[in-house]
């Protein structure tokens, strides 16, 4: 299917989503891998990991053109090689998402809601956070908290952050799409963020962007 969403959030930011329905051969023909990408690609053993890798490059080409290239720092955080935009990437099952901005740091996470996430909620939900008692919405609500915390973890560069202890999502009413607020408090960061969320089929998607100074 390829790119199913190319949404301009404002004049600076683009959010793209790719649904993987192609086989490896088809995706390989859609991208132009540079030597560094080819080396990374050859290392992957599983077909699913190869599909993820190729879908990211195909989506990036759709958003910015075929000359756009991704590089990674020592913490495996992605950057655009030309430094023209901030970038955040997420993939789960058959979806890949990329968030780009020329003037704001970004974080995005999506998850296929395929597991009983309630069994591990204690690992990422803290005492200040409230989860709905409505059973029909509870799993989606928990996945939104998880995605929100992952998005904040990414935008804050992952340094010394516990998603349970250092990130708190303020109470919010669960809807198909909406806005919530989160706060990150560490020795280096004390800041709040607006997080935007939506549901697509059986996926939860959360993203955030902000022009902030990190110590």
N, C-alpha and C. Protein backbone atom coordinates (compact mmCIF):
# COMPACT_ATOMS: atom_id res chain seq x y z
N UNK A 1 0.82 -1.21 0.00
CA UNK A 1 0.00 0.00 0.00
C UNK A 1 0.85 1.26 0.00
N UNK A 2 1.97 1.22 0.75
CA UNK A 2 2.85 2.38 0.77
C UNK A 2 2.37 3.48 1.68
N UNK A 3 2.62 4.72 1.29
CA UNK A 3 2.31 5.88 2.12
C UNK A 3 0.80 6.07 2.21
N UNK A 4 0.27 5.99 3.44
CA UNK A 4 -1.17 6.17 3.62
C UNK A 4 -1.50 7.52 4.23
N UNK A 5 -0.49 8.23 4.70
CA UNK A 5 -0.72 9.55 5.29
C UNK A 5 0.52 10.41 5.14
N UNK A 6 0.32 11.61 4.63
CA UNK A 6 1.37 12.62 4.55
C UNK A 6 0.73 13.92 5.01
N UNK A 7 0.90 14.20 6.29
CA UNK A 7 0.15 15.27 6.92
C UNK A 7 1.08 16.41 7.34
N UNK A 8 0.83 17.60 6.82
CA UNK A 8 1.61 18.78 7.22
C UNK A 8 0.99 19.35 8.49
N UNK A 9 1.68 19.17 9.62
CA UNK A 9 1.17 19.63 10.89
C UNK A 9 1.18 21.15 10.97
N UNK A 10 2.17 21.75 10.35
CA UNK A 10 2.26 23.20 10.18
C UNK A 10 3.27 23.44 9.06
N UNK A 11 3.72 24.67 8.87
CA UNK A 11 4.63 24.95 7.76
C UNK A 11 6.02 24.36 7.97
N UNK A 12 6.31 23.88 9.18
CA UNK A 12 7.63 23.36 9.50
C UNK A 12 7.68 21.83 9.64
N UNK A 13 6.53 21.20 9.88
CA UNK A 13 6.52 19.80 10.32
C UNK A 13 5.67 18.91 9.43
N UNK A 14 6.18 17.69 9.18
CA UNK A 14 5.48 16.70 8.37
C UNK A 14 5.41 15.37 9.14
N UNK A 15 4.24 14.75 9.11
CA UNK A 15 4.05 13.42 9.69
C UNK A 15 3.63 12.48 8.58
N UNK A 16 4.40 11.41 8.39
CA UNK A 16 4.07 10.43 7.37
C UNK A 16 3.90 9.04 7.97
N UNK A 17 2.97 8.27 7.41
CA UNK A 17 2.74 6.89 7.85
C UNK A 17 2.72 5.98 6.63
N UNK A 18 3.41 4.85 6.75
CA UNK A 18 3.52 3.86 5.66
C UNK A 18 2.95 2.53 6.14
N UNK A 19 2.06 1.94 5.35
CA UNK A 19 1.54 0.61 5.66
C UNK A 19 2.27 -0.41 4.80
N UNK A 20 2.96 -1.34 5.46
CA UNK A 20 3.78 -2.32 4.74
C UNK A 20 2.91 -3.45 4.21
N UNK A 21 2.68 -3.44 2.93
CA UNK A 21 1.98 -4.54 2.28
C UNK A 21 2.80 -5.11 1.12
N UNK A 22 3.97 -4.50 0.88
CA UNK A 22 4.86 -4.96 -0.18
C UNK A 22 5.74 -6.11 0.30
N UNK A 23 6.22 -6.91 -0.66
CA UNK A 23 7.23 -7.91 -0.32
C UNK A 23 8.61 -7.26 -0.41
N UNK A 24 9.64 -8.01 -0.01
CA UNK A 24 10.99 -7.46 0.01
C UNK A 24 11.44 -6.96 -1.37
N UNK A 25 11.19 -7.76 -2.38
CA UNK A 25 11.65 -7.39 -3.73
C UNK A 25 11.03 -6.08 -4.18
N UNK A 26 9.75 -5.90 -3.89
CA UNK A 26 9.07 -4.67 -4.30
C UNK A 26 9.64 -3.47 -3.56
N UNK A 27 9.83 -3.60 -2.25
CA UNK A 27 10.38 -2.48 -1.48
C UNK A 27 11.82 -2.17 -1.87
N UNK A 28 12.60 -3.20 -2.14
CA UNK A 28 13.98 -2.99 -2.57
C UNK A 28 14.03 -2.16 -3.85
N UNK A 29 13.05 -2.36 -4.72
CA UNK A 29 13.00 -1.60 -5.96
C UNK A 29 12.51 -0.18 -5.80
N UNK A 30 12.00 0.14 -4.61
CA UNK A 30 11.45 1.48 -4.37
C UNK A 30 12.45 2.41 -3.71
N UNK A 31 13.59 1.87 -3.26
CA UNK A 31 14.55 2.71 -2.53
C UNK A 31 15.92 2.64 -3.18
N UNK A 32 16.70 3.67 -2.92
CA UNK A 32 18.07 3.74 -3.43
C UNK A 32 19.00 3.79 -2.23
N UNK A 33 19.50 2.64 -1.80
CA UNK A 33 20.33 2.56 -0.59
C UNK A 33 21.75 3.00 -0.90
N UNK A 34 22.32 3.83 -0.01
CA UNK A 34 23.72 4.20 -0.16
C UNK A 34 24.59 3.09 0.45
N UNK A 35 25.90 3.14 0.30
CA UNK A 35 26.76 2.06 0.82
C UNK A 35 26.58 1.76 2.29
N UNK A 36 26.41 2.79 3.13
CA UNK A 36 26.21 2.57 4.56
C UNK A 36 24.91 1.83 4.83
N UNK A 37 23.86 2.22 4.14
CA UNK A 37 22.57 1.54 4.31
C UNK A 37 22.65 0.09 3.85
N UNK A 38 23.37 -0.15 2.77
CA UNK A 38 23.50 -1.51 2.26
C UNK A 38 24.20 -2.42 3.28
N UNK A 39 25.21 -1.88 3.96
CA UNK A 39 25.91 -2.65 4.98
C UNK A 39 24.97 -3.01 6.13
N UNK A 40 24.19 -2.02 6.58
CA UNK A 40 23.23 -2.28 7.66
C UNK A 40 22.20 -3.31 7.22
N UNK A 41 21.70 -3.16 6.02
CA UNK A 41 20.64 -4.02 5.51
C UNK A 41 21.08 -5.49 5.45
N UNK A 42 22.32 -5.72 5.06
CA UNK A 42 22.83 -7.09 4.93
C UNK A 42 22.93 -7.81 6.27
N UNK A 43 23.04 -7.05 7.35
CA UNK A 43 23.18 -7.65 8.68
C UNK A 43 21.87 -8.26 9.18
N UNK A 44 20.75 -7.69 8.75
CA UNK A 44 19.46 -8.14 9.26
C UNK A 44 19.14 -9.55 8.80
N UNK A 45 18.76 -10.39 9.73
CA UNK A 45 18.46 -11.79 9.40
C UNK A 45 16.99 -12.00 9.11
N UNK A 46 16.12 -11.28 9.81
CA UNK A 46 14.69 -11.53 9.68
C UNK A 46 14.08 -10.69 8.56
N UNK A 47 13.08 -11.25 7.91
CA UNK A 47 12.37 -10.54 6.85
C UNK A 47 11.65 -9.32 7.41
N UNK A 48 11.07 -9.45 8.60
CA UNK A 48 10.32 -8.33 9.18
C UNK A 48 11.23 -7.14 9.45
N UNK A 49 12.45 -7.40 9.93
CA UNK A 49 13.38 -6.29 10.19
C UNK A 49 13.81 -5.64 8.88
N UNK A 50 13.99 -6.42 7.84
CA UNK A 50 14.34 -5.87 6.53
C UNK A 50 13.21 -5.01 5.99
N UNK A 51 11.99 -5.48 6.15
CA UNK A 51 10.83 -4.71 5.68
C UNK A 51 10.72 -3.38 6.42
N UNK A 52 10.96 -3.40 7.72
CA UNK A 52 10.94 -2.17 8.51
C UNK A 52 11.98 -1.18 7.99
N UNK A 53 13.19 -1.66 7.81
CA UNK A 53 14.30 -0.82 7.36
C UNK A 53 13.97 -0.19 6.01
N UNK A 54 13.49 -0.99 5.08
CA UNK A 54 13.19 -0.48 3.74
C UNK A 54 11.99 0.46 3.76
N UNK A 55 11.00 0.17 4.59
CA UNK A 55 9.82 1.03 4.64
C UNK A 55 10.16 2.42 5.17
N UNK A 56 11.09 2.49 6.12
CA UNK A 56 11.54 3.78 6.63
C UNK A 56 12.16 4.61 5.50
N UNK A 57 13.03 3.96 4.71
CA UNK A 57 13.70 4.67 3.61
C UNK A 57 12.70 5.05 2.51
N UNK A 58 11.73 4.17 2.25
CA UNK A 58 10.73 4.48 1.24
C UNK A 58 9.83 5.64 1.69
N UNK A 59 9.46 5.64 2.95
CA UNK A 59 8.62 6.73 3.47
C UNK A 59 9.39 8.05 3.48
N UNK A 60 10.66 8.00 3.89
CA UNK A 60 11.48 9.22 3.89
C UNK A 60 11.59 9.80 2.48
N UNK A 61 11.78 8.92 1.50
CA UNK A 61 11.85 9.38 0.11
C UNK A 61 10.53 10.01 -0.33
N UNK A 62 9.42 9.46 0.14
CA UNK A 62 8.10 10.01 -0.18
C UNK A 62 7.94 11.40 0.43
N UNK A 63 8.48 11.60 1.62
CA UNK A 63 8.31 12.87 2.34
C UNK A 63 9.29 13.94 1.87
N UNK A 64 10.54 13.54 1.60
CA UNK A 64 11.59 14.53 1.33
C UNK A 64 12.29 14.36 -0.02
N UNK A 65 12.08 13.24 -0.68
CA UNK A 65 12.81 12.98 -1.91
C UNK A 65 13.86 11.90 -1.71
N UNK A 66 14.32 11.31 -2.80
CA UNK A 66 15.22 10.15 -2.73
C UNK A 66 16.63 10.48 -2.25
N UNK A 67 17.00 11.75 -2.20
CA UNK A 67 18.35 12.10 -1.74
C UNK A 67 18.45 12.17 -0.22
N UNK A 68 17.33 12.14 0.49
CA UNK A 68 17.35 12.22 1.95
C UNK A 68 17.99 10.96 2.53
N UNK A 69 18.86 11.14 3.51
CA UNK A 69 19.59 10.03 4.12
C UNK A 69 19.53 10.11 5.65
N UNK A 70 19.43 8.94 6.29
CA UNK A 70 19.41 8.85 7.74
C UNK A 70 20.75 8.36 8.24
N UNK A 71 21.26 9.00 9.29
CA UNK A 71 22.45 8.52 10.00
C UNK A 71 22.10 8.40 11.47
N UNK A 72 22.94 7.71 12.22
CA UNK A 72 22.66 7.46 13.64
C UNK A 72 23.85 7.86 14.50
N UNK A 73 23.55 8.35 15.73
CA UNK A 73 24.64 8.65 16.65
C UNK A 73 24.97 7.41 17.47
N UNK A 74 25.84 7.56 18.45
CA UNK A 74 26.30 6.41 19.24
C UNK A 74 25.18 5.79 20.06
N UNK A 75 24.12 6.56 20.33
CA UNK A 75 22.97 6.04 21.07
C UNK A 75 21.87 5.51 20.15
N UNK A 76 22.21 5.40 18.86
CA UNK A 76 21.28 4.91 17.84
C UNK A 76 20.10 5.85 17.62
N UNK A 77 20.29 7.12 17.90
CA UNK A 77 19.27 8.13 17.62
C UNK A 77 19.42 8.58 16.17
N UNK A 78 18.32 8.61 15.40
CA UNK A 78 18.42 8.97 13.98
C UNK A 78 18.53 10.47 13.75
N UNK A 79 19.27 10.82 12.72
CA UNK A 79 19.38 12.21 12.25
C UNK A 79 19.35 12.20 10.74
N UNK A 80 18.97 13.31 10.15
CA UNK A 80 19.14 13.46 8.71
C UNK A 80 20.58 13.84 8.43
N UNK A 81 21.16 13.23 7.43
CA UNK A 81 22.56 13.44 7.12
C UNK A 81 22.87 14.91 6.82
N UNK A 82 21.94 15.61 6.16
CA UNK A 82 22.18 17.01 5.82
C UNK A 82 21.81 17.98 6.94
N UNK A 83 21.28 17.45 8.04
CA UNK A 83 20.95 18.29 9.19
C UNK A 83 19.82 19.26 8.97
N UNK A 84 19.02 19.05 7.94
CA UNK A 84 17.99 20.01 7.58
C UNK A 84 16.76 19.96 8.48
N UNK A 85 16.55 18.83 9.14
CA UNK A 85 15.35 18.66 9.97
C UNK A 85 15.64 17.74 11.15
N UNK A 86 14.86 17.93 12.19
CA UNK A 86 14.81 16.94 13.27
C UNK A 86 13.94 15.78 12.78
N UNK A 87 14.24 14.57 13.24
CA UNK A 87 13.50 13.40 12.78
C UNK A 87 13.26 12.43 13.93
N UNK A 88 12.09 11.79 13.92
CA UNK A 88 11.80 10.70 14.84
C UNK A 88 11.09 9.61 14.04
N UNK A 89 11.39 8.36 14.36
CA UNK A 89 10.92 7.21 13.60
C UNK A 89 10.29 6.18 14.54
N UNK A 90 9.22 5.55 14.09
CA UNK A 90 8.64 4.45 14.86
C UNK A 90 8.05 3.43 13.89
N UNK A 91 8.10 2.15 14.29
CA UNK A 91 7.44 1.13 13.50
C UNK A 91 6.97 0.00 14.40
N UNK A 92 5.85 -0.59 14.03
CA UNK A 92 5.28 -1.70 14.79
C UNK A 92 4.41 -2.51 13.84
N UNK A 93 4.70 -3.80 13.76
CA UNK A 93 3.97 -4.72 12.91
C UNK A 93 3.98 -4.24 11.45
N UNK A 94 2.86 -3.72 10.95
CA UNK A 94 2.79 -3.35 9.53
C UNK A 94 2.82 -1.84 9.28
N UNK A 95 3.04 -1.04 10.34
CA UNK A 95 3.06 0.41 10.16
C UNK A 95 4.43 0.98 10.48
N UNK A 96 4.81 1.99 9.70
CA UNK A 96 6.02 2.78 9.94
C UNK A 96 5.62 4.25 9.93
N UNK A 97 6.17 5.02 10.85
CA UNK A 97 5.86 6.45 10.92
C UNK A 97 7.14 7.27 11.04
N UNK A 98 7.14 8.44 10.41
CA UNK A 98 8.25 9.39 10.51
C UNK A 98 7.67 10.77 10.79
N UNK A 99 8.26 11.45 11.76
CA UNK A 99 7.90 12.84 12.07
C UNK A 99 9.13 13.70 11.82
N UNK A 100 8.95 14.78 11.05
CA UNK A 100 10.03 15.67 10.67
C UNK A 100 9.67 17.11 10.99
N UNK A 101 10.65 17.88 11.41
CA UNK A 101 10.43 19.31 11.65
C UNK A 101 11.72 20.09 11.41
N UNK A 102 11.59 21.26 10.82
CA UNK A 102 12.77 22.09 10.56
C UNK A 102 13.17 22.90 11.78
N UNK A 103 12.24 23.15 12.71
CA UNK A 103 12.55 24.06 13.81
C UNK A 103 12.20 23.55 15.20
N UNK A 104 11.67 22.33 15.30
CA UNK A 104 11.31 21.78 16.60
C UNK A 104 11.85 20.37 16.76
N UNK A 105 12.25 20.02 17.97
CA UNK A 105 12.59 18.63 18.26
C UNK A 105 11.30 17.81 18.24
N UNK A 106 11.43 16.54 17.90
CA UNK A 106 10.24 15.71 17.69
C UNK A 106 10.39 14.33 18.33
N UNK A 107 9.24 13.73 18.62
CA UNK A 107 9.21 12.36 19.11
C UNK A 107 7.91 11.71 18.69
N UNK A 108 7.98 10.49 18.18
CA UNK A 108 6.77 9.77 17.77
C UNK A 108 6.90 8.31 18.15
N UNK A 109 5.76 7.71 18.52
CA UNK A 109 5.75 6.27 18.77
C UNK A 109 4.39 5.72 18.36
N UNK A 110 4.41 4.54 17.75
CA UNK A 110 3.18 3.83 17.43
C UNK A 110 3.33 2.38 17.87
N UNK A 111 2.23 1.80 18.26
CA UNK A 111 2.25 0.41 18.72
C UNK A 111 1.02 -0.32 18.20
N UNK A 112 1.25 -1.55 17.74
CA UNK A 112 0.15 -2.44 17.37
C UNK A 112 -0.41 -3.02 18.65
N UNK A 113 -1.70 -2.81 18.90
CA UNK A 113 -2.28 -3.19 20.19
C UNK A 113 -2.67 -4.67 20.19
N UNK A 114 -1.65 -5.51 20.24
CA UNK A 114 -1.85 -6.94 20.08
C UNK A 114 -1.70 -7.75 21.36
N UNK A 115 -1.24 -7.13 22.42
CA UNK A 115 -0.98 -7.88 23.66
C UNK A 115 -1.84 -7.35 24.81
N UNK A 116 -1.89 -8.12 25.88
CA UNK A 116 -2.57 -7.70 27.10
C UNK A 116 -1.61 -6.81 27.88
N UNK A 117 -1.57 -5.54 27.50
CA UNK A 117 -0.60 -4.61 28.07
C UNK A 117 -0.84 -4.38 29.57
N UNK A 118 -2.05 -4.70 30.05
CA UNK A 118 -2.35 -4.52 31.47
C UNK A 118 -1.44 -5.33 32.37
N UNK A 119 -0.93 -6.43 31.86
CA UNK A 119 -0.06 -7.30 32.68
C UNK A 119 1.27 -6.64 33.00
N UNK A 120 1.70 -5.69 32.16
CA UNK A 120 3.00 -5.04 32.39
C UNK A 120 2.85 -3.55 32.71
N UNK A 121 1.61 -3.12 32.97
CA UNK A 121 1.37 -1.70 33.23
C UNK A 121 2.19 -1.17 34.40
N UNK A 122 2.43 -2.03 35.40
CA UNK A 122 3.19 -1.61 36.58
C UNK A 122 4.61 -1.18 36.23
N UNK A 123 5.09 -1.58 35.07
CA UNK A 123 6.45 -1.23 34.67
C UNK A 123 6.56 0.20 34.14
N UNK A 124 5.43 0.79 33.72
CA UNK A 124 5.55 2.13 33.15
C UNK A 124 4.52 3.14 33.67
N UNK A 125 3.51 2.69 34.40
CA UNK A 125 2.53 3.61 34.97
C UNK A 125 2.93 3.95 36.41
N UNK A 126 2.93 5.24 36.75
CA UNK A 126 3.27 5.64 38.12
C UNK A 126 2.00 6.06 38.89
N UNK A 127 2.17 6.37 40.16
CA UNK A 127 1.02 6.62 41.04
C UNK A 127 0.24 7.87 40.68
N UNK A 128 0.86 8.80 40.00
CA UNK A 128 0.18 10.05 39.64
C UNK A 128 -0.74 9.89 38.42
N UNK A 129 -0.58 8.79 37.71
CA UNK A 129 -1.30 8.61 36.45
C UNK A 129 -2.60 7.84 36.67
N UNK A 130 -3.62 8.23 35.92
CA UNK A 130 -4.95 7.64 36.06
C UNK A 130 -5.36 6.91 34.78
N UNK A 131 -5.75 5.65 34.91
CA UNK A 131 -6.21 4.85 33.78
C UNK A 131 -7.71 4.64 33.92
N UNK A 132 -8.43 4.76 32.82
CA UNK A 132 -9.88 4.63 32.84
C UNK A 132 -10.33 3.28 33.41
N UNK A 133 -11.48 3.30 34.07
CA UNK A 133 -12.08 2.07 34.59
C UNK A 133 -12.98 1.40 33.54
N UNK A 134 -13.25 2.10 32.45
CA UNK A 134 -14.10 1.55 31.39
C UNK A 134 -13.32 0.49 30.63
N UNK A 135 -13.73 -0.75 30.74
CA UNK A 135 -12.97 -1.87 30.18
C UNK A 135 -12.77 -1.76 28.67
N UNK A 136 -13.77 -1.23 27.97
CA UNK A 136 -13.69 -1.11 26.51
C UNK A 136 -12.59 -0.15 26.07
N UNK A 137 -12.23 0.78 26.95
CA UNK A 137 -11.22 1.80 26.60
C UNK A 137 -9.89 1.58 27.29
N UNK A 138 -9.85 0.64 28.24
CA UNK A 138 -8.69 0.53 29.12
C UNK A 138 -7.40 0.16 28.36
N UNK A 139 -7.48 -0.83 27.47
CA UNK A 139 -6.28 -1.24 26.75
C UNK A 139 -5.74 -0.11 25.88
N UNK A 140 -6.63 0.57 25.16
CA UNK A 140 -6.21 1.72 24.32
C UNK A 140 -5.59 2.81 25.19
N UNK A 141 -6.19 3.06 26.35
CA UNK A 141 -5.66 4.09 27.26
C UNK A 141 -4.24 3.74 27.72
N UNK A 142 -4.03 2.49 28.06
CA UNK A 142 -2.70 2.05 28.48
C UNK A 142 -1.69 2.17 27.34
N UNK A 143 -2.09 1.78 26.13
CA UNK A 143 -1.19 1.91 24.99
C UNK A 143 -0.87 3.37 24.70
N UNK A 144 -1.83 4.26 24.88
CA UNK A 144 -1.56 5.68 24.68
C UNK A 144 -0.52 6.19 25.69
N UNK A 145 -0.62 5.74 26.93
CA UNK A 145 0.39 6.11 27.93
C UNK A 145 1.77 5.59 27.52
N UNK A 146 1.82 4.34 27.08
CA UNK A 146 3.10 3.76 26.66
C UNK A 146 3.69 4.54 25.48
N UNK A 147 2.87 4.78 24.46
CA UNK A 147 3.36 5.51 23.28
C UNK A 147 3.79 6.93 23.64
N UNK A 148 3.02 7.57 24.50
CA UNK A 148 3.36 8.95 24.91
C UNK A 148 4.71 8.98 25.62
N UNK A 149 4.93 8.01 26.48
CA UNK A 149 6.20 7.98 27.21
C UNK A 149 7.37 7.67 26.28
N UNK A 150 7.15 6.79 25.32
CA UNK A 150 8.19 6.50 24.34
C UNK A 150 8.50 7.73 23.49
N UNK A 151 7.47 8.48 23.09
CA UNK A 151 7.67 9.69 22.30
C UNK A 151 8.46 10.73 23.09
N UNK A 152 8.16 10.87 24.38
CA UNK A 152 8.89 11.82 25.22
C UNK A 152 10.32 11.34 25.47
N UNK A 153 10.48 10.05 25.64
CA UNK A 153 11.80 9.45 25.79
C UNK A 153 12.68 9.79 24.59
N UNK A 154 12.08 9.75 23.40
CA UNK A 154 12.83 10.05 22.18
C UNK A 154 13.15 11.53 22.05
N UNK A 155 12.18 12.40 22.32
CA UNK A 155 12.40 13.83 22.12
C UNK A 155 13.44 14.37 23.11
N UNK A 156 13.54 13.69 24.25
CA UNK A 156 14.51 14.11 25.28
C UNK A 156 15.84 13.36 25.16
N UNK A 157 16.04 12.68 24.05
CA UNK A 157 17.32 12.03 23.73
C UNK A 157 17.68 10.85 24.62
N UNK A 158 16.72 10.31 25.35
CA UNK A 158 16.87 9.04 26.06
C UNK A 158 17.87 9.04 27.21
N UNK A 159 18.46 10.15 27.54
CA UNK A 159 19.56 10.13 28.51
C UNK A 159 19.06 10.06 29.95
N UNK A 160 19.34 8.96 30.62
CA UNK A 160 19.07 8.81 32.04
C UNK A 160 17.61 8.96 32.41
N UNK A 161 16.70 8.52 31.53
CA UNK A 161 15.28 8.69 31.77
C UNK A 161 14.61 7.36 32.06
N UNK A 162 13.88 7.28 33.17
CA UNK A 162 13.03 6.15 33.48
C UNK A 162 11.62 6.52 33.05
N UNK A 163 11.02 5.70 32.17
CA UNK A 163 9.69 6.07 31.68
C UNK A 163 8.64 6.00 32.78
N UNK A 164 8.90 5.25 33.83
CA UNK A 164 7.95 5.19 34.94
C UNK A 164 8.19 6.31 35.95
N UNK A 165 9.44 6.52 36.31
CA UNK A 165 9.74 7.47 37.38
C UNK A 165 9.86 8.92 36.90
N UNK A 166 10.40 9.11 35.71
CA UNK A 166 10.71 10.47 35.24
C UNK A 166 9.69 11.07 34.28
N UNK A 167 8.76 10.25 33.79
CA UNK A 167 7.76 10.75 32.84
C UNK A 167 6.37 10.51 33.40
N UNK A 168 5.56 11.57 33.46
CA UNK A 168 4.20 11.47 33.95
C UNK A 168 3.23 12.04 32.91
N UNK A 169 2.21 11.26 32.58
CA UNK A 169 1.16 11.71 31.68
C UNK A 169 -0.02 12.18 32.53
N UNK A 170 -0.44 13.42 32.31
CA UNK A 170 -1.56 13.97 33.08
C UNK A 170 -2.86 13.26 32.69
N UNK A 171 -3.81 13.16 33.63
CA UNK A 171 -5.09 12.51 33.32
C UNK A 171 -5.78 13.15 32.11
N UNK A 172 -6.36 12.32 31.25
CA UNK A 172 -7.07 12.81 30.08
C UNK A 172 -8.19 11.85 29.72
N UNK A 173 -9.21 12.37 29.04
CA UNK A 173 -10.33 11.56 28.60
C UNK A 173 -9.96 10.83 27.31
N UNK A 174 -10.20 9.54 27.26
CA UNK A 174 -9.84 8.75 26.10
C UNK A 174 -10.82 8.99 24.95
N UNK A 175 -10.27 9.39 23.80
CA UNK A 175 -11.06 9.57 22.58
C UNK A 175 -10.34 8.86 21.44
N UNK A 176 -10.94 8.84 20.26
CA UNK A 176 -10.26 8.28 19.10
C UNK A 176 -9.00 9.08 18.78
N UNK A 177 -9.12 10.40 18.87
CA UNK A 177 -7.99 11.30 18.66
C UNK A 177 -8.10 12.44 19.66
N UNK A 178 -6.95 12.99 20.06
CA UNK A 178 -7.00 14.07 21.02
C UNK A 178 -5.62 14.57 21.41
N UNK A 179 -5.58 15.30 22.50
CA UNK A 179 -4.34 15.88 23.02
C UNK A 179 -4.22 15.56 24.50
N UNK A 180 -3.02 15.22 24.92
CA UNK A 180 -2.74 15.03 26.34
C UNK A 180 -1.47 15.80 26.69
N UNK A 181 -1.19 15.89 27.96
CA UNK A 181 0.01 16.59 28.40
C UNK A 181 0.90 15.64 29.19
N UNK A 182 2.19 15.79 29.01
CA UNK A 182 3.15 14.98 29.75
C UNK A 182 4.26 15.84 30.31
N UNK A 183 4.86 15.38 31.39
CA UNK A 183 5.98 16.11 32.00
C UNK A 183 7.16 15.18 32.19
N UNK A 184 8.34 15.70 31.89
CA UNK A 184 9.59 14.97 32.08
C UNK A 184 10.41 15.70 33.13
N UNK A 185 10.77 14.98 34.19
CA UNK A 185 11.57 15.58 35.26
C UNK A 185 12.76 14.67 35.55
N UNK A 186 13.96 15.18 35.28
CA UNK A 186 15.21 14.49 35.60
C UNK A 186 16.16 15.54 36.19
N UNK A 187 17.39 15.13 36.43
CA UNK A 187 18.39 16.09 36.90
C UNK A 187 18.67 17.16 35.85
N UNK A 188 18.43 16.84 34.57
CA UNK A 188 18.75 17.76 33.49
C UNK A 188 17.53 18.42 32.85
N UNK A 189 16.35 17.82 33.02
CA UNK A 189 15.16 18.30 32.34
C UNK A 189 14.02 18.48 33.32
N UNK A 190 13.29 19.59 33.17
CA UNK A 190 12.04 19.80 33.90
C UNK A 190 11.13 20.57 32.96
N UNK A 191 10.33 19.83 32.19
CA UNK A 191 9.56 20.49 31.14
C UNK A 191 8.28 19.72 30.86
N UNK A 192 7.29 20.43 30.33
CA UNK A 192 6.02 19.82 29.96
C UNK A 192 5.86 19.85 28.44
N UNK A 193 5.08 18.90 27.92
CA UNK A 193 4.92 18.74 26.49
C UNK A 193 3.46 18.45 26.15
N UNK A 194 3.00 18.99 25.03
CA UNK A 194 1.71 18.58 24.47
C UNK A 194 1.94 17.36 23.60
N UNK A 195 1.08 16.36 23.75
CA UNK A 195 1.18 15.13 22.96
C UNK A 195 -0.13 14.91 22.21
N UNK A 196 -0.02 14.62 20.94
CA UNK A 196 -1.19 14.41 20.09
C UNK A 196 -1.31 12.92 19.80
N UNK A 197 -2.55 12.43 19.85
CA UNK A 197 -2.72 10.99 19.67
C UNK A 197 -3.88 10.67 18.73
N UNK A 198 -3.83 9.47 18.17
CA UNK A 198 -4.92 8.98 17.34
C UNK A 198 -4.86 7.46 17.28
N UNK A 199 -5.96 6.88 16.89
CA UNK A 199 -6.04 5.44 16.67
C UNK A 199 -6.19 5.19 15.16
N UNK A 200 -5.42 4.23 14.64
CA UNK A 200 -5.58 3.80 13.25
C UNK A 200 -5.73 2.28 13.26
N UNK A 201 -6.89 1.79 12.86
CA UNK A 201 -7.17 0.37 12.97
C UNK A 201 -6.85 -0.11 14.39
N UNK A 202 -5.93 -1.04 14.53
CA UNK A 202 -5.59 -1.54 15.87
C UNK A 202 -4.24 -1.00 16.35
N UNK A 203 -3.95 0.24 15.95
CA UNK A 203 -2.70 0.89 16.35
C UNK A 203 -2.99 2.13 17.17
N UNK A 204 -2.13 2.39 18.15
CA UNK A 204 -2.12 3.66 18.87
C UNK A 204 -0.91 4.45 18.38
N UNK A 205 -1.11 5.73 18.08
CA UNK A 205 -0.05 6.59 17.58
C UNK A 205 -0.02 7.88 18.40
N UNK A 206 1.16 8.24 18.89
CA UNK A 206 1.32 9.47 19.68
C UNK A 206 2.56 10.21 19.20
N UNK A 207 2.44 11.53 19.07
CA UNK A 207 3.60 12.32 18.67
C UNK A 207 3.65 13.64 19.44
N UNK A 208 4.83 14.19 19.52
CA UNK A 208 5.03 15.47 20.18
C UNK A 208 6.14 16.23 19.47
N UNK A 209 6.09 17.54 19.58
CA UNK A 209 7.14 18.39 19.00
C UNK A 209 7.23 19.65 19.83
N UNK A 210 8.44 20.13 19.99
CA UNK A 210 8.62 21.32 20.82
C UNK A 210 9.97 21.94 20.59
N UNK A 211 10.01 23.24 20.57
CA UNK A 211 11.25 23.98 20.51
C UNK A 211 11.69 24.27 21.93
N UNK A 212 12.59 23.46 22.46
CA UNK A 212 13.02 23.62 23.83
C UNK A 212 14.52 23.47 23.93
N UNK A 213 15.08 24.01 24.99
CA UNK A 213 16.50 23.93 25.23
C UNK A 213 16.79 22.80 26.20
N UNK A 214 17.66 21.89 25.81
CA UNK A 214 18.07 20.80 26.69
C UNK A 214 19.47 21.10 27.25
N UNK A 215 19.58 21.00 28.56
CA UNK A 215 20.88 21.27 29.19
C UNK A 215 21.90 20.22 28.80
